[in-house]
Amino acid sequence: MTGPSLLDLAVSVPDVYYAYDYAVDRGALSLAEPYEVRDRFGSVVLATIGVPGGTRHTLVDRAGYAGPYLPGYVPFESW
C-alpha cells in the first residue's frame, strides 16, 4: 500500500450547520461546507471536517429524507 490511508466516518447529527460551525470554531479543518443534496425522496444536508490523524468526519442530517440512504443510492436486493 502506498500513501496514507483515509478513514471517513459518517456521523448523524440533528443540525449539520450547527455541528459544522461548532467543530470548525474549535479547530477542525473544513473540508466541505454544509451543502444539500436532493432527489424525489427529499433532501439530505452534508458537510465534511478533518481532524488530526487524517480522519474525515462527514456530518449527515437525513431528517428531511425518506429514501433508502442518500440521494442516488439504490437498496441492495441480493447477490
N, C-alpha and C. Protein backbone atom coordinates (compact mmCIF):
# COMPACT_ATOMS: atom_id res chain seq x y z
N MET A 1 0.85 -1.17 0.00
CA MET A 1 0.00 0.00 0.00
C MET A 1 0.89 1.23 0.00
N THR A 2 0.57 2.19 -0.82
CA THR A 2 1.35 3.41 -0.87
C THR A 2 0.54 4.59 -0.37
N GLY A 3 1.14 5.49 0.34
CA GLY A 3 0.46 6.67 0.85
C GLY A 3 -0.38 6.36 2.08
N PRO A 4 -0.84 7.42 2.75
CA PRO A 4 -1.63 7.22 3.96
C PRO A 4 -3.04 6.73 3.64
N SER A 5 -3.58 5.94 4.56
CA SER A 5 -4.97 5.52 4.37
C SER A 5 -5.88 6.63 4.87
N LEU A 6 -7.10 6.65 4.37
CA LEU A 6 -8.05 7.69 4.75
C LEU A 6 -9.30 7.03 5.29
N LEU A 7 -9.71 7.46 6.45
CA LEU A 7 -10.92 6.95 7.06
C LEU A 7 -11.95 8.06 7.02
N ASP A 8 -13.17 7.75 6.55
CA ASP A 8 -14.26 8.71 6.52
C ASP A 8 -15.38 8.16 7.38
N LEU A 9 -15.63 8.81 8.49
CA LEU A 9 -16.64 8.38 9.44
C LEU A 9 -17.89 9.24 9.27
N ALA A 10 -19.02 8.62 8.91
CA ALA A 10 -20.27 9.36 8.77
C ALA A 10 -20.91 9.47 10.15
N VAL A 11 -21.32 10.69 10.52
CA VAL A 11 -21.91 10.95 11.82
C VAL A 11 -23.27 11.61 11.62
N SER A 12 -24.31 10.98 12.14
CA SER A 12 -25.65 11.55 12.06
C SER A 12 -25.79 12.65 13.10
N VAL A 13 -26.18 13.84 12.66
CA VAL A 13 -26.38 14.97 13.56
C VAL A 13 -27.73 15.62 13.26
N PRO A 14 -28.35 16.24 14.27
CA PRO A 14 -29.65 16.87 14.02
C PRO A 14 -29.57 18.19 13.27
N ASP A 15 -28.40 18.84 13.28
CA ASP A 15 -28.23 20.13 12.61
C ASP A 15 -26.80 20.23 12.08
N VAL A 16 -26.62 19.95 10.79
CA VAL A 16 -25.28 19.95 10.19
C VAL A 16 -24.64 21.33 10.28
N TYR A 17 -25.41 22.38 10.05
CA TYR A 17 -24.86 23.74 10.08
C TYR A 17 -24.26 24.05 11.45
N TYR A 18 -24.99 23.73 12.50
CA TYR A 18 -24.51 23.99 13.86
C TYR A 18 -23.29 23.12 14.18
N ALA A 19 -23.37 21.82 13.90
CA ALA A 19 -22.27 20.91 14.21
C ALA A 19 -21.00 21.30 13.46
N TYR A 20 -21.14 21.67 12.20
CA TYR A 20 -20.00 22.09 11.38
C TYR A 20 -19.36 23.35 11.97
N ASP A 21 -20.17 24.38 12.23
CA ASP A 21 -19.64 25.62 12.80
C ASP A 21 -18.98 25.38 14.14
N TYR A 22 -19.59 24.57 14.99
CA TYR A 22 -19.06 24.26 16.31
C TYR A 22 -17.68 23.61 16.19
N ALA A 23 -17.56 22.62 15.31
CA ALA A 23 -16.30 21.90 15.14
C ALA A 23 -15.21 22.79 14.55
N VAL A 24 -15.54 23.54 13.51
CA VAL A 24 -14.55 24.40 12.85
C VAL A 24 -14.10 25.52 13.79
N ASP A 25 -15.02 26.08 14.57
CA ASP A 25 -14.65 27.11 15.54
C ASP A 25 -13.69 26.59 16.59
N ARG A 26 -13.67 25.28 16.80
CA ARG A 26 -12.80 24.68 17.79
C ARG A 26 -11.60 23.97 17.20
N GLY A 27 -11.30 24.25 15.93
CA GLY A 27 -10.05 23.78 15.34
C GLY A 27 -10.15 22.69 14.29
N ALA A 28 -11.32 22.16 14.03
CA ALA A 28 -11.44 21.15 12.97
C ALA A 28 -11.18 21.81 11.62
N LEU A 29 -10.63 21.06 10.70
CA LEU A 29 -10.34 21.54 9.36
C LEU A 29 -11.60 21.42 8.49
N SER A 30 -11.98 22.49 7.85
CA SER A 30 -13.13 22.46 6.95
C SER A 30 -12.72 21.80 5.63
N LEU A 31 -13.37 20.68 5.30
CA LEU A 31 -13.11 20.01 4.03
C LEU A 31 -14.24 20.25 3.04
N ALA A 32 -15.48 20.40 3.54
CA ALA A 32 -16.62 20.73 2.68
C ALA A 32 -17.67 21.42 3.56
N GLU A 33 -17.98 22.66 3.22
CA GLU A 33 -19.00 23.39 3.95
C GLU A 33 -20.35 22.70 3.76
N PRO A 34 -21.31 22.96 4.66
CA PRO A 34 -22.62 22.31 4.52
C PRO A 34 -23.25 22.55 3.14
N TYR A 35 -23.82 21.49 2.60
CA TYR A 35 -24.50 21.56 1.31
C TYR A 35 -25.66 20.58 1.31
N GLU A 36 -26.62 20.81 0.43
CA GLU A 36 -27.82 19.99 0.35
C GLU A 36 -27.83 19.16 -0.92
N VAL A 37 -28.25 17.91 -0.78
CA VAL A 37 -28.41 17.01 -1.90
C VAL A 37 -29.86 16.53 -1.86
N ARG A 38 -30.53 16.57 -3.03
CA ARG A 38 -31.94 16.17 -3.01
C ARG A 38 -32.29 15.30 -4.21
N ASP A 39 -33.36 14.55 -4.03
CA ASP A 39 -33.97 13.80 -5.10
C ASP A 39 -35.46 13.70 -4.79
N ARG A 40 -36.17 12.79 -5.44
CA ARG A 40 -37.63 12.73 -5.26
C ARG A 40 -38.06 12.32 -3.86
N PHE A 41 -37.13 11.80 -3.05
CA PHE A 41 -37.45 11.38 -1.68
C PHE A 41 -37.25 12.49 -0.65
N GLY A 42 -36.68 13.62 -1.05
CA GLY A 42 -36.43 14.71 -0.12
C GLY A 42 -35.01 15.21 -0.21
N SER A 43 -34.50 15.74 0.91
CA SER A 43 -33.15 16.30 0.90
C SER A 43 -32.34 15.86 2.11
N VAL A 44 -31.03 15.83 1.91
CA VAL A 44 -30.06 15.50 2.94
C VAL A 44 -29.07 16.65 3.00
N VAL A 45 -28.66 17.02 4.21
CA VAL A 45 -27.63 18.05 4.37
C VAL A 45 -26.35 17.36 4.81
N LEU A 46 -25.23 17.68 4.15
CA LEU A 46 -23.93 17.07 4.43
C LEU A 46 -22.87 18.14 4.61
N ALA A 47 -21.83 17.83 5.36
CA ALA A 47 -20.62 18.66 5.48
C ALA A 47 -19.50 17.72 5.89
N THR A 48 -18.26 18.10 5.62
CA THR A 48 -17.13 17.25 5.99
C THR A 48 -16.06 18.07 6.69
N ILE A 49 -15.58 17.53 7.81
CA ILE A 49 -14.50 18.16 8.56
C ILE A 49 -13.36 17.16 8.69
N GLY A 50 -12.16 17.68 8.90
CA GLY A 50 -11.00 16.84 9.11
C GLY A 50 -10.47 17.02 10.51
N VAL A 51 -9.94 15.95 11.07
CA VAL A 51 -9.34 16.00 12.40
C VAL A 51 -7.92 15.44 12.31
N PRO A 52 -7.06 15.70 13.30
CA PRO A 52 -5.69 15.20 13.25
C PRO A 52 -5.65 13.68 13.05
N GLY A 53 -4.69 13.23 12.28
CA GLY A 53 -4.53 11.82 12.01
C GLY A 53 -5.10 11.40 10.67
N GLY A 54 -5.71 12.35 9.94
CA GLY A 54 -6.22 12.06 8.61
C GLY A 54 -7.64 11.57 8.55
N THR A 55 -8.32 11.49 9.69
CA THR A 55 -9.71 11.03 9.67
C THR A 55 -10.63 12.16 9.26
N ARG A 56 -11.56 11.82 8.36
CA ARG A 56 -12.60 12.77 7.95
C ARG A 56 -13.88 12.39 8.67
N HIS A 57 -14.67 13.39 9.02
CA HIS A 57 -15.99 13.15 9.60
C HIS A 57 -17.01 13.81 8.67
N THR A 58 -17.87 13.01 8.08
CA THR A 58 -18.94 13.55 7.25
C THR A 58 -20.18 13.67 8.13
N LEU A 59 -20.63 14.90 8.31
CA LEU A 59 -21.81 15.18 9.12
C LEU A 59 -23.04 15.01 8.24
N VAL A 60 -24.03 14.28 8.72
CA VAL A 60 -25.19 13.91 7.91
C VAL A 60 -26.48 14.22 8.66
N ASP A 61 -27.39 14.94 8.01
CA ASP A 61 -28.73 15.17 8.54
C ASP A 61 -29.74 14.65 7.52
N ARG A 62 -30.38 13.52 7.86
CA ARG A 62 -31.35 12.89 6.97
C ARG A 62 -32.79 13.15 7.41
N ALA A 63 -33.02 14.12 8.29
CA ALA A 63 -34.36 14.37 8.83
C ALA A 63 -35.38 14.67 7.73
N GLY A 64 -34.96 15.26 6.64
CA GLY A 64 -35.87 15.61 5.56
C GLY A 64 -35.84 14.62 4.41
N TYR A 65 -35.41 13.37 4.69
CA TYR A 65 -35.23 12.40 3.62
C TYR A 65 -35.94 11.09 3.93
N ALA A 66 -36.71 10.57 2.97
CA ALA A 66 -37.45 9.32 3.15
C ALA A 66 -36.93 8.20 2.25
N GLY A 67 -35.81 8.42 1.58
CA GLY A 67 -35.27 7.42 0.67
C GLY A 67 -34.45 6.36 1.38
N PRO A 68 -33.81 5.46 0.61
CA PRO A 68 -33.10 4.32 1.19
C PRO A 68 -31.85 4.68 1.99
N TYR A 69 -31.09 5.67 1.61
CA TYR A 69 -29.91 6.08 2.37
C TYR A 69 -29.59 7.53 2.07
N LEU A 70 -29.05 7.77 0.90
CA LEU A 70 -28.75 9.12 0.42
C LEU A 70 -29.25 9.23 -1.02
N PRO A 71 -29.48 10.43 -1.50
CA PRO A 71 -29.91 10.57 -2.90
C PRO A 71 -28.95 9.85 -3.85
N GLY A 72 -29.53 9.07 -4.75
CA GLY A 72 -28.74 8.33 -5.72
C GLY A 72 -28.47 6.89 -5.33
N TYR A 73 -28.66 6.53 -4.07
CA TYR A 73 -28.44 5.16 -3.63
C TYR A 73 -29.66 4.30 -3.94
N VAL A 74 -29.41 3.04 -4.26
CA VAL A 74 -30.47 2.08 -4.54
C VAL A 74 -30.28 0.93 -3.55
N PRO A 75 -31.35 0.47 -2.89
CA PRO A 75 -31.18 -0.63 -1.93
C PRO A 75 -30.68 -1.90 -2.61
N PHE A 76 -29.82 -2.60 -1.92
CA PHE A 76 -29.27 -3.88 -2.42
C PHE A 76 -30.35 -4.94 -2.32
N GLU A 77 -30.60 -5.65 -3.39
CA GLU A 77 -31.63 -6.69 -3.41
C GLU A 77 -31.08 -8.06 -3.04
N SER A 78 -30.05 -8.51 -3.74
CA SER A 78 -29.45 -9.81 -3.44
C SER A 78 -28.16 -9.98 -4.22
N TRP A 79 -27.40 -10.99 -3.88
CA TRP A 79 -26.17 -11.30 -4.61
C TRP A 79 -26.58 -12.00 -5.84
